[in-house]
Amino acid sequence: MSYQKYGISPQLVQRVKDKTRNPAVKERLKQLFQGVTKADLQNTATVRKLLRQGAKIVNEPLSATQEEQFIQFIIAQKIDPNNTLHLLKLWSMFR
């Protein structure tokens, strides 16, 4: 399922991808998501908190609408961070 179906702008995704190429930013994001579980990624409040912290790290302000679109997308994907196939699917979606 494509992130564009959730109204997420490809330009926004590209800006975030460009910013995460910075090793310092990438490391801070890895630390933020370390220990996140599948249950965490199905909880709206937890996803909102992680999204806001991640947006702050990459210095990309999100509108309330964009935030909701990302939250809906993340929850719909049913991501299990411990499942390699889930991670490969996400990687291929955003490469």
Protein backbone atom coordinates (compact mmCIF):
# COMPACT_ATOMS: atom_id res chain seq x y z
CA MET A 1 0.00 0.00 0.00
CA SER A 2 1.42 3.34 -1.02
CA TYR A 3 1.86 6.25 1.35
CA GLN A 4 0.43 8.49 -1.38
CA LYS A 5 -2.98 6.85 -0.90
CA TYR A 6 -2.98 8.40 2.57
CA GLY A 7 -2.40 11.87 1.16
CA ILE A 8 1.28 12.00 2.12
CA SER A 9 3.22 14.21 -0.29
CA PRO A 10 6.12 12.61 -2.20
CA GLN A 11 7.97 15.94 -1.84
CA LEU A 12 7.69 15.72 1.97
CA VAL A 13 8.95 12.14 1.91
CA GLN A 14 11.89 13.16 -0.29
CA ARG A 15 12.82 16.05 2.02
CA VAL A 16 12.79 13.71 5.03
CA LYS A 17 14.85 11.11 3.15
CA ASP A 18 17.41 13.76 2.23
CA LYS A 19 17.66 14.93 5.83
CA THR A 20 18.07 11.39 7.17
CA ARG A 21 21.15 10.92 5.00
CA ASN A 22 22.99 13.05 7.57
CA PRO A 23 24.72 10.48 9.86
CA ALA A 24 23.99 12.48 13.03
CA VAL A 25 20.27 12.72 12.24
CA LYS A 26 20.14 9.06 11.26
CA GLU A 27 21.74 8.04 14.56
CA ARG A 28 19.30 10.14 16.61
CA LEU A 29 16.38 8.54 14.76
CA LYS A 30 17.78 5.05 15.35
CA GLN A 31 17.99 5.83 19.06
CA LEU A 32 14.41 7.13 19.07
CA PHE A 33 13.06 3.94 17.52
CA GLN A 34 15.24 1.52 19.47
CA GLY A 35 13.04 -0.81 21.49
CA VAL A 36 9.80 0.11 19.68
CA THR A 37 7.42 -2.85 19.44
CA LYS A 38 4.58 -3.82 17.12
CA ALA A 39 2.12 -2.91 19.88
CA ASP A 40 3.69 0.56 20.14
CA LEU A 41 3.17 1.06 16.40
CA GLN A 42 -0.51 0.14 16.73
CA ASN A 43 -1.12 2.64 19.54
CA THR A 44 -2.20 6.06 18.23
CA ALA A 45 -0.82 7.99 21.20
CA THR A 46 2.58 6.30 20.99
CA VAL A 47 2.79 6.75 17.21
CA ARG A 48 1.87 10.44 17.60
CA LYS A 49 4.60 10.91 20.22
CA LEU A 50 7.22 9.13 18.07
CA LEU A 51 6.16 11.05 14.98
CA ARG A 52 6.45 14.42 16.72
CA GLN A 53 9.85 13.54 18.15
CA GLY A 54 11.05 12.28 14.77
CA ALA A 55 9.80 15.41 13.01
CA LYS A 56 11.66 17.53 15.53
CA ILE A 57 14.87 15.54 14.94
CA VAL A 58 14.71 16.02 11.16
CA ASN A 59 13.52 19.62 11.61
CA GLU A 60 10.42 19.06 9.47
CA PRO A 61 7.33 20.75 10.89
CA LEU A 62 4.12 18.80 10.24
CA SER A 63 0.64 20.25 10.05
CA ALA A 64 -2.13 18.56 12.02
CA THR A 65 -3.44 17.06 8.77
CA GLN A 66 -0.03 15.67 7.79
CA GLU A 67 0.40 14.24 11.28
CA GLU A 68 -2.94 12.43 11.06
CA GLN A 69 -2.10 11.11 7.59
CA PHE A 70 1.19 9.67 8.84
CA ILE A 71 -0.45 8.15 11.90
CA GLN A 72 -3.15 6.48 9.80
CA PHE A 73 -0.50 5.18 7.39
CA ILE A 74 1.73 3.75 10.13
CA ILE A 75 -1.14 2.02 11.92
CA ALA A 76 -2.54 0.60 8.68
CA GLN A 77 0.81 -0.99 7.80
CA LYS A 78 0.77 -3.17 10.95
CA ILE A 79 4.54 -2.90 11.12
CA ASP A 80 6.45 -5.39 13.24
CA PRO A 81 9.94 -3.89 13.72
CA ASN A 82 11.28 -7.35 14.58
CA ASN A 83 10.08 -8.85 11.28
CA THR A 84 12.66 -8.46 8.53
CA LEU A 85 10.04 -8.87 5.79
CA HIS A 86 8.03 -5.95 7.18
CA LEU A 87 11.13 -3.78 7.23
CA LEU A 88 12.07 -4.76 3.67
CA LYS A 89 8.54 -3.92 2.51
CA LEU A 90 8.81 -0.45 4.07
CA TRP A 91 12.29 0.06 2.71
CA SER A 92 11.14 -0.75 -0.83
CA MET A 93 8.18 1.61 -0.46
CA PHE A 94 10.41 4.59 0.41
CA ARG A 95 13.58 3.94 -1.61
